[in-house]
Amino acid sequence: MSHTCGVRQAQKRRTRQALLDAALGLLEEQSLSSLGLREVTRAVGVAPTAFYRHFRSTADLGVALVEEALGSLHPMIRTTVSPSEDSDERIARAVELIAGHVAAYPAHVRFIARERHGGVQPVREAIRDQLARFAEEVKAELAKDPASEGWSDADLRMLAGLYVDQMLITASLFLEALDAPEEEHRRAAETATRQLRLISIGRAHWLD
C-alpha cells in the first residue's frame, strides 16, 4: 500500500512540474493574464480538471512559478555582496553569477521581468515579497562589512534595495544580449560592472 501511495505521489509531482514547465514555455509568448488553463493542460496532455488537483487558478500557478524562479536564488544574492572580497572582485563575481543564471534560466528571468509589473496581483505581490526578502538578506550581509560602520539601519536598507534593483537590471541586460553576438554580451557585462561600481563609489563616500 505504501509503495502504491509513493508511486502516486511521484506521479502527482511529475504532473505538477509538467504543468509548471508547460506554462513557462507558453509564457515566452504571452503574459500570465492572457494564459488559459486549457492551454496549459493541452500542452501537458491532461484533462482540464486535472489542473485543479495542483493549482487553484492560473494565478496560483504563477505564484508557484515565482517561487521556482526566485526561491532558490537567496544564497546567490547574499554571496554577491559578501564582504569577504574587495569591491572589484565582488562586482566581477556578481556580474558573472547573474550572467550565468540568465544563460541557464532565461525563461524564468523573462517571466519575472514581465510579471513584476504585470496584471496578476497575487503574482506581483509574490515577486515583491521575494525581492523584499532579498533586500533584507542583502542588508544583513552589508551590515557585517566594516565599510558599513556608522551607517543607519534606514540607509543600509536603502543601499540593499539599490543592489537588488541593480541585480534585476543586470539580469535584463544579459537577457537582451542572450541571443546577440558575443560583442553585445561583453557590452552588457561592461555596463553592469560600471553601474555596480558607481553604487560602490557612492557607498564609499556616503558618510563624507
Protein backbone atom coordinates (compact mmCIF):
# COMPACT_ATOMS: atom_id res chain seq x y z
CA MET A 1 0.00 0.00 0.00
CA SER A 2 2.77 2.44 0.93
CA HIS A 3 4.51 1.64 -2.36
CA THR A 4 1.33 2.47 -4.29
CA CYS A 5 0.98 5.77 -2.40
CA GLY A 6 4.61 6.57 -3.15
CA VAL A 7 4.11 5.94 -6.85
CA ARG A 8 1.02 8.14 -6.88
CA GLN A 9 2.79 10.95 -5.08
CA ALA A 10 5.70 10.75 -7.51
CA GLN A 11 3.29 10.88 -10.45
CA LYS A 12 1.50 13.85 -8.89
CA ARG A 13 4.81 15.71 -8.51
CA ARG A 14 5.71 14.94 -12.14
CA THR A 15 2.35 16.20 -13.40
CA ARG A 16 2.63 19.36 -11.31
CA GLN A 17 6.12 20.04 -12.66
CA ALA A 18 4.93 19.33 -16.20
CA LEU A 19 2.19 21.95 -15.77
CA LEU A 20 4.74 24.48 -14.50
CA ASP A 21 7.12 23.74 -17.37
CA ALA A 22 4.35 23.95 -19.96
CA ALA A 23 3.10 27.26 -18.55
CA LEU A 24 6.61 28.69 -18.54
CA GLY A 25 7.02 27.73 -22.19
CA LEU A 26 3.70 29.30 -23.15
CA LEU A 27 4.58 32.46 -21.22
CA GLU A 28 7.53 33.06 -23.52
CA GLU A 29 4.99 34.48 -25.98
CA GLN A 30 2.29 35.98 -23.73
CA SER A 31 1.55 37.38 -20.30
CA LEU A 32 0.10 35.35 -17.44
CA SER A 33 -3.13 37.36 -17.51
CA SER A 34 -3.85 36.03 -21.00
CA LEU A 35 -2.89 32.42 -20.26
CA GLY A 36 -5.74 29.91 -20.12
CA LEU A 37 -5.57 26.74 -18.06
CA ARG A 38 -6.82 24.73 -21.06
CA GLU A 39 -3.73 25.84 -22.99
CA VAL A 40 -1.56 24.54 -20.20
CA THR A 41 -3.34 21.20 -19.77
CA ARG A 42 -3.43 20.68 -23.54
CA ALA A 43 0.33 21.17 -23.69
CA VAL A 44 0.81 18.56 -20.95
CA GLY A 45 -1.80 16.17 -22.34
CA VAL A 46 -4.07 16.01 -19.28
CA ALA A 47 -7.73 16.88 -18.79
CA PRO A 48 -8.52 20.46 -17.67
CA THR A 49 -9.97 19.09 -14.43
CA ALA A 50 -6.52 17.68 -13.58
CA PHE A 51 -5.21 21.24 -13.30
CA TYR A 52 -7.22 21.82 -10.13
CA ARG A 53 -5.56 18.92 -8.35
CA HIS A 54 -2.40 21.03 -8.33
CA PHE A 55 -3.38 24.71 -8.57
CA ARG A 56 -6.45 26.72 -7.64
CA SER A 57 -6.09 29.04 -10.65
CA THR A 58 -3.59 30.31 -13.20
CA ALA A 59 -2.69 33.00 -10.65
CA ASP A 60 -1.84 30.25 -8.16
CA LEU A 61 0.30 28.58 -10.82
CA GLY A 62 2.01 31.94 -11.42
CA VAL A 63 2.85 32.26 -7.73
CA ALA A 64 4.40 28.78 -7.87
CA LEU A 65 6.48 29.91 -10.85
CA VAL A 66 7.70 32.91 -8.84
CA GLU A 67 8.86 30.56 -6.08
CA GLU A 68 10.54 28.32 -8.64
CA ALA A 69 12.25 31.28 -10.33
CA LEU A 70 13.36 33.21 -7.24
CA GLY A 71 13.13 30.91 -4.23
CA SER A 72 16.45 29.19 -4.86
CA LEU A 73 18.38 32.41 -5.50
CA HIS A 74 18.71 33.64 -1.93
CA PRO A 75 22.17 32.11 -1.31
CA MET A 76 23.45 33.52 -4.63
CA ILE A 77 22.11 37.01 -3.90
CA ARG A 78 23.77 37.02 -0.48
CA THR A 79 27.14 35.98 -1.89
CA THR A 80 27.15 38.86 -4.37
CA VAL A 81 27.56 41.34 -1.51
CA SER A 82 29.62 39.20 0.85
CA PRO A 83 32.37 41.30 2.50
CA SER A 84 34.94 38.52 2.01
CA GLU A 85 36.42 40.16 -1.12
CA ASP A 86 37.34 43.65 -2.24
CA SER A 87 34.86 45.75 -4.17
CA ASP A 88 36.09 44.99 -7.70
CA GLU A 89 36.25 41.25 -7.04
CA ARG A 90 32.76 41.35 -5.54
CA ILE A 91 31.39 43.19 -8.57
CA ALA A 92 33.07 40.85 -11.05
CA ARG A 93 31.69 37.83 -9.20
CA ALA A 94 28.20 39.33 -9.04
CA VAL A 95 28.15 40.06 -12.78
CA GLU A 96 29.44 36.57 -13.56
CA LEU A 97 26.86 34.88 -11.33
CA ILE A 98 23.96 36.85 -12.79
CA ALA A 99 25.11 36.23 -16.37
CA GLY A 100 25.38 32.51 -15.65
CA HIS A 101 21.92 32.40 -14.11
CA VAL A 102 20.33 34.21 -17.06
CA ALA A 103 22.03 31.83 -19.51
CA ALA A 104 20.79 28.81 -17.54
CA TYR A 105 17.23 30.01 -16.83
CA PRO A 106 16.23 32.61 -19.43
CA ALA A 107 12.52 31.72 -19.36
CA HIS A 108 12.35 32.20 -15.59
CA VAL A 109 14.13 35.55 -15.80
CA ARG A 110 11.85 36.70 -18.64
CA PHE A 111 8.78 35.65 -16.65
CA ILE A 112 9.85 37.69 -13.60
CA ALA A 113 10.77 40.72 -15.72
CA ARG A 114 7.35 40.70 -17.42
CA GLU A 115 5.16 39.84 -14.45
CA ARG A 116 6.84 42.11 -11.88
CA HIS A 117 4.56 44.87 -13.13
CA GLY A 118 2.00 42.61 -14.81
CA GLY A 119 -1.73 42.36 -14.44
CA VAL A 120 -1.99 39.46 -11.98
CA GLN A 121 -1.96 40.89 -8.47
CA PRO A 122 -1.05 37.72 -6.47
CA VAL A 123 1.96 37.22 -8.75
CA ARG A 124 3.06 40.86 -8.43
CA GLU A 125 2.79 40.52 -4.66
CA ALA A 126 4.74 37.24 -4.65
CA ILE A 127 7.55 38.86 -6.65
CA ARG A 128 7.50 41.92 -4.39
CA ASP A 129 7.71 39.71 -1.29
CA GLN A 130 10.65 37.73 -2.68
CA LEU A 131 12.50 40.94 -3.60
CA ALA A 132 11.83 42.33 -0.12
CA ARG A 133 13.37 39.16 1.34
CA PHE A 134 16.39 39.61 -0.94
CA ALA A 135 16.77 43.19 0.27
CA GLU A 136 16.64 42.15 3.93
CA GLU A 137 19.23 39.42 3.35
CA VAL A 138 21.50 41.80 1.45
CA LYS A 139 21.10 44.37 4.24
CA ALA A 140 22.19 41.74 6.78
CA GLU A 141 25.30 40.97 4.71
CA LEU A 142 26.11 44.66 4.24
CA ALA A 143 25.86 45.21 8.00
CA LYS A 144 28.70 42.70 8.51
CA ASP A 145 31.05 44.73 6.33
CA PRO A 146 33.40 47.10 8.22
CA ALA A 147 32.66 49.64 5.46
CA SER A 148 29.14 49.90 6.88
CA GLU A 149 30.30 51.22 10.25
CA GLY A 150 28.30 54.32 11.14
CA TRP A 151 25.50 53.61 8.67
CA SER A 152 21.92 53.89 9.91
CA ASP A 153 19.53 50.99 9.52
CA ALA A 154 17.44 53.02 7.06
CA ASP A 155 20.46 53.80 4.88
CA LEU A 156 21.57 50.17 4.86
CA ARG A 157 18.06 49.17 3.79
CA MET A 158 18.17 51.80 1.01
CA LEU A 159 21.54 50.51 -0.20
CA ALA A 160 20.31 46.91 -0.13
CA GLY A 161 17.32 47.92 -2.24
CA LEU A 162 19.65 49.60 -4.74
CA TYR A 163 21.71 46.42 -5.05
CA VAL A 164 18.65 44.22 -5.54
CA ASP A 165 17.20 46.59 -8.16
CA GLN A 166 20.55 46.70 -9.92
CA MET A 167 20.74 42.91 -10.00
CA LEU A 168 17.38 42.86 -11.79
CA ILE A 169 18.62 45.49 -14.25
CA THR A 170 21.77 43.43 -14.82
CA ALA A 171 19.70 40.31 -15.47
CA SER A 172 17.63 42.25 -18.02
CA LEU A 173 20.80 43.44 -19.76
CA PHE A 174 22.05 39.88 -20.14
CA LEU A 175 18.60 38.67 -21.21
CA GLU A 176 18.57 41.18 -24.07
CA ALA A 177 22.07 40.09 -25.11
CA LEU A 178 21.35 36.37 -24.79
CA ASP A 179 21.00 35.57 -28.49
CA ALA A 180 23.02 38.54 -29.72
CA PRO A 181 26.64 38.43 -30.92
CA GLU A 182 29.32 38.00 -28.26
CA GLU A 183 30.14 41.70 -28.54
CA GLU A 184 26.67 42.54 -27.16
CA HIS A 185 27.21 40.20 -24.22
CA ARG A 186 30.56 41.84 -23.49
CA ARG A 187 28.98 45.30 -23.60
CA ALA A 188 26.24 44.15 -21.23
CA ALA A 189 28.88 42.90 -18.78
CA GLU A 190 30.81 46.18 -19.02
CA THR A 191 27.66 48.26 -18.46
CA ALA A 192 26.62 46.13 -15.48
CA THR A 193 30.11 46.39 -14.00
CA ARG A 194 30.18 50.18 -14.36
CA GLN A 195 26.72 50.56 -12.82
CA LEU A 196 27.63 48.43 -9.82
CA ARG A 197 30.92 50.29 -9.45
CA LEU A 198 29.02 53.59 -9.38
CA ILE A 199 26.90 52.31 -6.49
CA SER A 200 30.06 51.12 -4.75
CA ILE A 201 31.76 54.51 -5.12
CA GLY A 202 28.66 56.29 -3.82
CA ARG A 203 28.61 53.91 -0.88
CA ALA A 204 32.25 54.65 -0.03
CA HIS A 205 31.54 58.39 0.19
CA TRP A 206 28.01 58.35 1.64
CA LEU A 207 29.10 59.44 5.12
CA ASP A 208 31.53 62.12 3.92
